[in-house]
Amino acid sequence: MRAVAVFPKERTVRLIEREEPNVRTPFDVKLRVLEVGVCGTDRELCGFVHGSPPPGSDHFILGHESLAEVIETGREVNAFKSGDVVVAGVRLPC
């Protein structure tokens, strides 16, 4: 799958290929993104104004404001089922 990635140390933004994720734990939910919004946070990340990648990574993946379809869930997930349309809540500390 393709994703837009921001590499702060390189000061680059580029399209990258990533492996499709799998449901690995009983609590995972796998989504198929339908729509993605671009917000001020994305603009600031692409402008290298703030932010640092998650631990163990050298880049961010943009798209935290998205509409998605649930395509698979772990066995302990009861609140969602395949076919549900959802908006993911992403919150990172400042």
N, C-alpha and C. Protein backbone atom coordinates (compact mmCIF):
# COMPACT_ATOMS: atom_id res chain seq x y z
N MET A 1 0.84 -1.17 0.00
CA MET A 1 0.00 0.00 0.00
C MET A 1 0.89 1.24 0.00
N ARG A 2 0.36 2.33 -0.52
CA ARG A 2 1.12 3.57 -0.58
C ARG A 2 0.70 4.51 0.54
N ALA A 3 1.66 5.32 0.98
CA ALA A 3 1.40 6.30 2.03
C ALA A 3 2.28 7.52 1.81
N VAL A 4 1.80 8.67 2.27
CA VAL A 4 2.60 9.88 2.24
C VAL A 4 3.35 9.95 3.57
N ALA A 5 4.68 10.02 3.47
CA ALA A 5 5.53 10.00 4.67
C ALA A 5 6.34 11.28 4.78
N VAL A 6 6.51 11.73 6.01
CA VAL A 6 7.33 12.90 6.32
C VAL A 6 8.56 12.42 7.07
N PHE A 7 9.74 12.76 6.56
CA PHE A 7 11.02 12.40 7.16
C PHE A 7 11.66 13.67 7.71
N PRO A 8 11.44 13.99 9.00
CA PRO A 8 11.92 15.26 9.56
C PRO A 8 13.44 15.45 9.47
N LYS A 9 14.23 14.43 9.75
CA LYS A 9 15.70 14.60 9.73
C LYS A 9 16.19 14.89 8.32
N GLU A 10 15.56 14.28 7.31
CA GLU A 10 15.94 14.52 5.92
C GLU A 10 15.27 15.77 5.35
N ARG A 11 14.23 16.23 6.08
CA ARG A 11 13.41 17.35 5.61
C ARG A 11 12.82 17.05 4.23
N THR A 12 12.25 15.84 4.12
CA THR A 12 11.60 15.43 2.88
C THR A 12 10.20 14.88 3.16
N VAL A 13 9.35 15.00 2.15
CA VAL A 13 8.01 14.40 2.15
C VAL A 13 7.92 13.61 0.86
N ARG A 14 7.56 12.32 0.97
CA ARG A 14 7.50 11.52 -0.25
C ARG A 14 6.51 10.36 -0.10
N LEU A 15 6.13 9.83 -1.25
CA LEU A 15 5.25 8.68 -1.32
C LEU A 15 6.10 7.43 -1.09
N ILE A 16 5.65 6.55 -0.17
CA ILE A 16 6.39 5.33 0.12
C ILE A 16 5.46 4.12 0.00
N GLU A 17 6.05 2.96 -0.11
CA GLU A 17 5.31 1.70 -0.11
C GLU A 17 5.43 1.07 1.27
N ARG A 18 4.33 0.57 1.79
CA ARG A 18 4.31 -0.12 3.08
C ARG A 18 3.60 -1.45 2.90
N GLU A 19 3.97 -2.43 3.73
CA GLU A 19 3.25 -3.71 3.73
C GLU A 19 1.86 -3.50 4.29
N GLU A 20 0.91 -4.24 3.75
CA GLU A 20 -0.45 -4.18 4.29
C GLU A 20 -0.43 -4.74 5.71
N PRO A 21 -1.04 -4.03 6.66
CA PRO A 21 -1.02 -4.52 8.05
C PRO A 21 -1.91 -5.74 8.22
N ASN A 22 -1.64 -6.50 9.27
CA ASN A 22 -2.43 -7.67 9.64
C ASN A 22 -3.00 -7.49 11.03
N VAL A 23 -4.10 -8.17 11.30
CA VAL A 23 -4.63 -8.23 12.65
C VAL A 23 -3.75 -9.19 13.42
N ARG A 24 -3.06 -8.68 14.44
CA ARG A 24 -2.09 -9.50 15.18
C ARG A 24 -2.51 -9.84 16.60
N THR A 25 -3.33 -8.97 17.18
CA THR A 25 -3.77 -9.22 18.56
C THR A 25 -5.29 -9.35 18.58
N PRO A 26 -5.84 -9.89 19.65
CA PRO A 26 -7.30 -10.03 19.75
C PRO A 26 -8.04 -8.68 19.76
N PHE A 27 -7.32 -7.59 19.99
CA PHE A 27 -7.95 -6.27 20.10
C PHE A 27 -7.70 -5.37 18.89
N ASP A 28 -7.02 -5.87 17.86
CA ASP A 28 -6.74 -5.07 16.67
C ASP A 28 -7.99 -4.90 15.79
N VAL A 29 -8.01 -3.78 15.08
CA VAL A 29 -9.04 -3.51 14.08
C VAL A 29 -8.32 -3.07 12.81
N LYS A 30 -8.57 -3.75 11.70
CA LYS A 30 -7.96 -3.41 10.42
C LYS A 30 -8.96 -2.59 9.61
N LEU A 31 -8.47 -1.45 9.08
CA LEU A 31 -9.33 -0.52 8.36
C LEU A 31 -8.88 -0.36 6.92
N ARG A 32 -9.84 -0.07 6.04
CA ARG A 32 -9.55 0.34 4.67
C ARG A 32 -9.94 1.81 4.58
N VAL A 33 -8.96 2.66 4.35
CA VAL A 33 -9.21 4.10 4.31
C VAL A 33 -10.01 4.45 3.07
N LEU A 34 -11.09 5.21 3.27
CA LEU A 34 -11.95 5.64 2.18
C LEU A 34 -11.66 7.08 1.76
N GLU A 35 -11.45 7.94 2.74
CA GLU A 35 -11.19 9.36 2.51
C GLU A 35 -10.20 9.86 3.55
N VAL A 36 -9.37 10.82 3.14
CA VAL A 36 -8.39 11.41 4.06
C VAL A 36 -8.47 12.92 3.96
N GLY A 37 -8.49 13.58 5.10
CA GLY A 37 -8.45 15.03 5.14
C GLY A 37 -7.05 15.52 5.43
N VAL A 38 -6.75 16.72 4.96
CA VAL A 38 -5.46 17.34 5.25
C VAL A 38 -5.77 18.54 6.13
N CYS A 39 -5.10 18.60 7.28
CA CYS A 39 -5.38 19.67 8.24
C CYS A 39 -4.12 20.50 8.49
N GLY A 40 -4.27 21.46 9.39
CA GLY A 40 -3.14 22.32 9.75
C GLY A 40 -1.98 21.54 10.34
N THR A 41 -2.27 20.48 11.08
CA THR A 41 -1.19 19.67 11.65
C THR A 41 -0.37 19.03 10.54
N ASP A 42 -1.04 18.50 9.51
CA ASP A 42 -0.32 17.91 8.38
C ASP A 42 0.56 18.96 7.71
N ARG A 43 0.00 20.14 7.51
CA ARG A 43 0.77 21.22 6.88
C ARG A 43 2.01 21.56 7.71
N GLU A 44 1.86 21.64 9.03
CA GLU A 44 2.99 21.96 9.90
C GLU A 44 4.01 20.82 9.92
N LEU A 45 3.56 19.57 9.90
CA LEU A 45 4.49 18.44 9.85
C LEU A 45 5.28 18.47 8.54
N CYS A 46 4.60 18.74 7.43
CA CYS A 46 5.28 18.81 6.13
C CYS A 46 6.21 20.02 6.04
N GLY A 47 5.94 21.04 6.83
CA GLY A 47 6.81 22.22 6.88
C GLY A 47 7.90 22.10 7.93
N PHE A 48 7.94 20.96 8.63
CA PHE A 48 8.96 20.66 9.64
C PHE A 48 8.92 21.68 10.79
N VAL A 49 7.71 22.14 11.11
CA VAL A 49 7.50 23.11 12.18
C VAL A 49 7.57 22.42 13.54
N HIS A 50 7.00 21.24 13.65
CA HIS A 50 7.03 20.51 14.93
C HIS A 50 6.88 19.02 14.67
N GLY A 51 7.03 18.27 15.74
CA GLY A 51 6.80 16.84 15.68
C GLY A 51 8.06 16.02 15.56
N SER A 52 7.97 14.81 16.09
CA SER A 52 9.03 13.82 15.93
C SER A 52 8.35 12.48 15.70
N PRO A 53 8.94 11.64 14.88
CA PRO A 53 8.31 10.35 14.55
C PRO A 53 8.14 9.47 15.79
N PRO A 54 7.28 8.47 15.70
CA PRO A 54 7.12 7.54 16.81
C PRO A 54 8.42 6.83 17.12
N PRO A 55 8.59 6.36 18.35
CA PRO A 55 9.81 5.63 18.70
C PRO A 55 10.09 4.49 17.73
N GLY A 56 11.34 4.39 17.29
CA GLY A 56 11.75 3.33 16.40
C GLY A 56 11.52 3.61 14.92
N SER A 57 11.01 4.81 14.60
CA SER A 57 10.75 5.15 13.21
C SER A 57 11.44 6.46 12.85
N ASP A 58 11.74 6.63 11.57
CA ASP A 58 12.37 7.87 11.12
C ASP A 58 11.39 8.75 10.36
N HIS A 59 10.08 8.36 10.36
CA HIS A 59 9.10 9.13 9.60
C HIS A 59 7.70 9.05 10.20
N PHE A 60 6.85 9.99 9.79
CA PHE A 60 5.42 10.00 10.09
C PHE A 60 4.69 9.51 8.84
N ILE A 61 3.51 8.94 9.03
CA ILE A 61 2.59 8.69 7.94
C ILE A 61 1.45 9.68 8.12
N LEU A 62 1.15 10.46 7.08
CA LEU A 62 0.06 11.42 7.17
C LEU A 62 -1.27 10.72 7.01
N GLY A 63 -2.34 11.38 7.46
CA GLY A 63 -3.69 10.85 7.27
C GLY A 63 -4.43 10.56 8.54
N HIS A 64 -4.15 11.32 9.61
CA HIS A 64 -4.82 11.04 10.87
C HIS A 64 -6.29 11.47 10.89
N GLU A 65 -6.70 12.27 9.91
CA GLU A 65 -8.12 12.62 9.79
C GLU A 65 -8.68 11.82 8.62
N SER A 66 -9.34 10.71 8.95
CA SER A 66 -9.77 9.82 7.87
C SER A 66 -11.11 9.16 8.17
N LEU A 67 -11.75 8.75 7.10
CA LEU A 67 -12.96 7.96 7.14
C LEU A 67 -12.57 6.58 6.61
N ALA A 68 -12.97 5.52 7.32
CA ALA A 68 -12.50 4.19 6.94
C ALA A 68 -13.60 3.15 7.14
N GLU A 69 -13.41 2.01 6.48
CA GLU A 69 -14.30 0.86 6.62
C GLU A 69 -13.56 -0.23 7.39
N VAL A 70 -14.23 -0.82 8.37
CA VAL A 70 -13.66 -1.95 9.11
C VAL A 70 -13.67 -3.16 8.18
N ILE A 71 -12.49 -3.77 7.99
CA ILE A 71 -12.45 -4.96 7.13
C ILE A 71 -12.10 -6.24 7.89
N GLU A 72 -11.57 -6.07 9.11
CA GLU A 72 -11.25 -7.26 9.92
C GLU A 72 -11.07 -6.83 11.37
N THR A 73 -11.44 -7.70 12.29
CA THR A 73 -11.26 -7.41 13.71
C THR A 73 -10.66 -8.62 14.42
N GLY A 74 -9.98 -8.32 15.52
CA GLY A 74 -9.51 -9.38 16.39
C GLY A 74 -10.68 -10.02 17.13
N ARG A 75 -10.49 -11.20 17.67
CA ARG A 75 -11.59 -11.96 18.27
C ARG A 75 -12.19 -11.31 19.52
N GLU A 76 -11.47 -10.39 20.17
CA GLU A 76 -11.99 -9.73 21.36
C GLU A 76 -12.69 -8.40 21.06
N VAL A 77 -12.74 -8.00 19.81
CA VAL A 77 -13.38 -6.73 19.43
C VAL A 77 -14.88 -6.96 19.30
N ASN A 78 -15.65 -6.25 20.11
CA ASN A 78 -17.10 -6.39 20.11
C ASN A 78 -17.82 -5.14 19.61
N ALA A 79 -17.14 -3.98 19.66
CA ALA A 79 -17.79 -2.72 19.33
C ALA A 79 -17.89 -2.47 17.82
N PHE A 80 -17.10 -3.19 17.03
CA PHE A 80 -17.07 -2.98 15.58
C PHE A 80 -17.14 -4.32 14.87
N LYS A 81 -17.68 -4.26 13.64
CA LYS A 81 -17.72 -5.47 12.81
C LYS A 81 -17.35 -5.10 11.38
N SER A 82 -16.98 -6.07 10.60
CA SER A 82 -16.62 -5.86 9.21
C SER A 82 -17.76 -5.13 8.50
N GLY A 83 -17.40 -4.09 7.73
CA GLY A 83 -18.39 -3.30 7.01
C GLY A 83 -18.76 -2.00 7.70
N ASP A 84 -18.49 -1.88 9.01
CA ASP A 84 -18.78 -0.62 9.71
C ASP A 84 -17.92 0.50 9.13
N VAL A 85 -18.47 1.70 9.06
CA VAL A 85 -17.74 2.88 8.64
C VAL A 85 -17.38 3.66 9.89
N VAL A 86 -16.10 4.03 10.04
CA VAL A 86 -15.61 4.63 11.28
C VAL A 86 -14.71 5.83 11.00
N VAL A 87 -14.55 6.64 12.02
CA VAL A 87 -13.57 7.72 12.03
C VAL A 87 -12.62 7.40 13.17
N ALA A 88 -11.34 7.24 12.85
CA ALA A 88 -10.36 6.89 13.87
C ALA A 88 -10.01 8.12 14.70
N GLY A 89 -9.86 7.94 15.99
CA GLY A 89 -9.42 9.02 16.88
C GLY A 89 -7.94 8.87 17.14
N VAL A 90 -7.15 9.85 16.71
CA VAL A 90 -5.71 9.80 16.91
C VAL A 90 -5.32 10.94 17.82
N ARG A 91 -4.71 10.63 18.92
CA ARG A 91 -4.25 11.66 19.85
C ARG A 91 -2.82 11.33 20.26
N LEU A 92 -1.93 12.27 19.98
CA LEU A 92 -0.53 12.13 20.39
C LEU A 92 -0.20 13.25 21.38
N PRO A 93 0.64 12.98 22.36
CA PRO A 93 1.01 14.05 23.30
C PRO A 93 1.83 15.11 22.60
N CYS A 94 1.71 16.33 23.11
CA CYS A 94 2.50 17.45 22.55
C CYS A 94 3.97 17.25 22.84
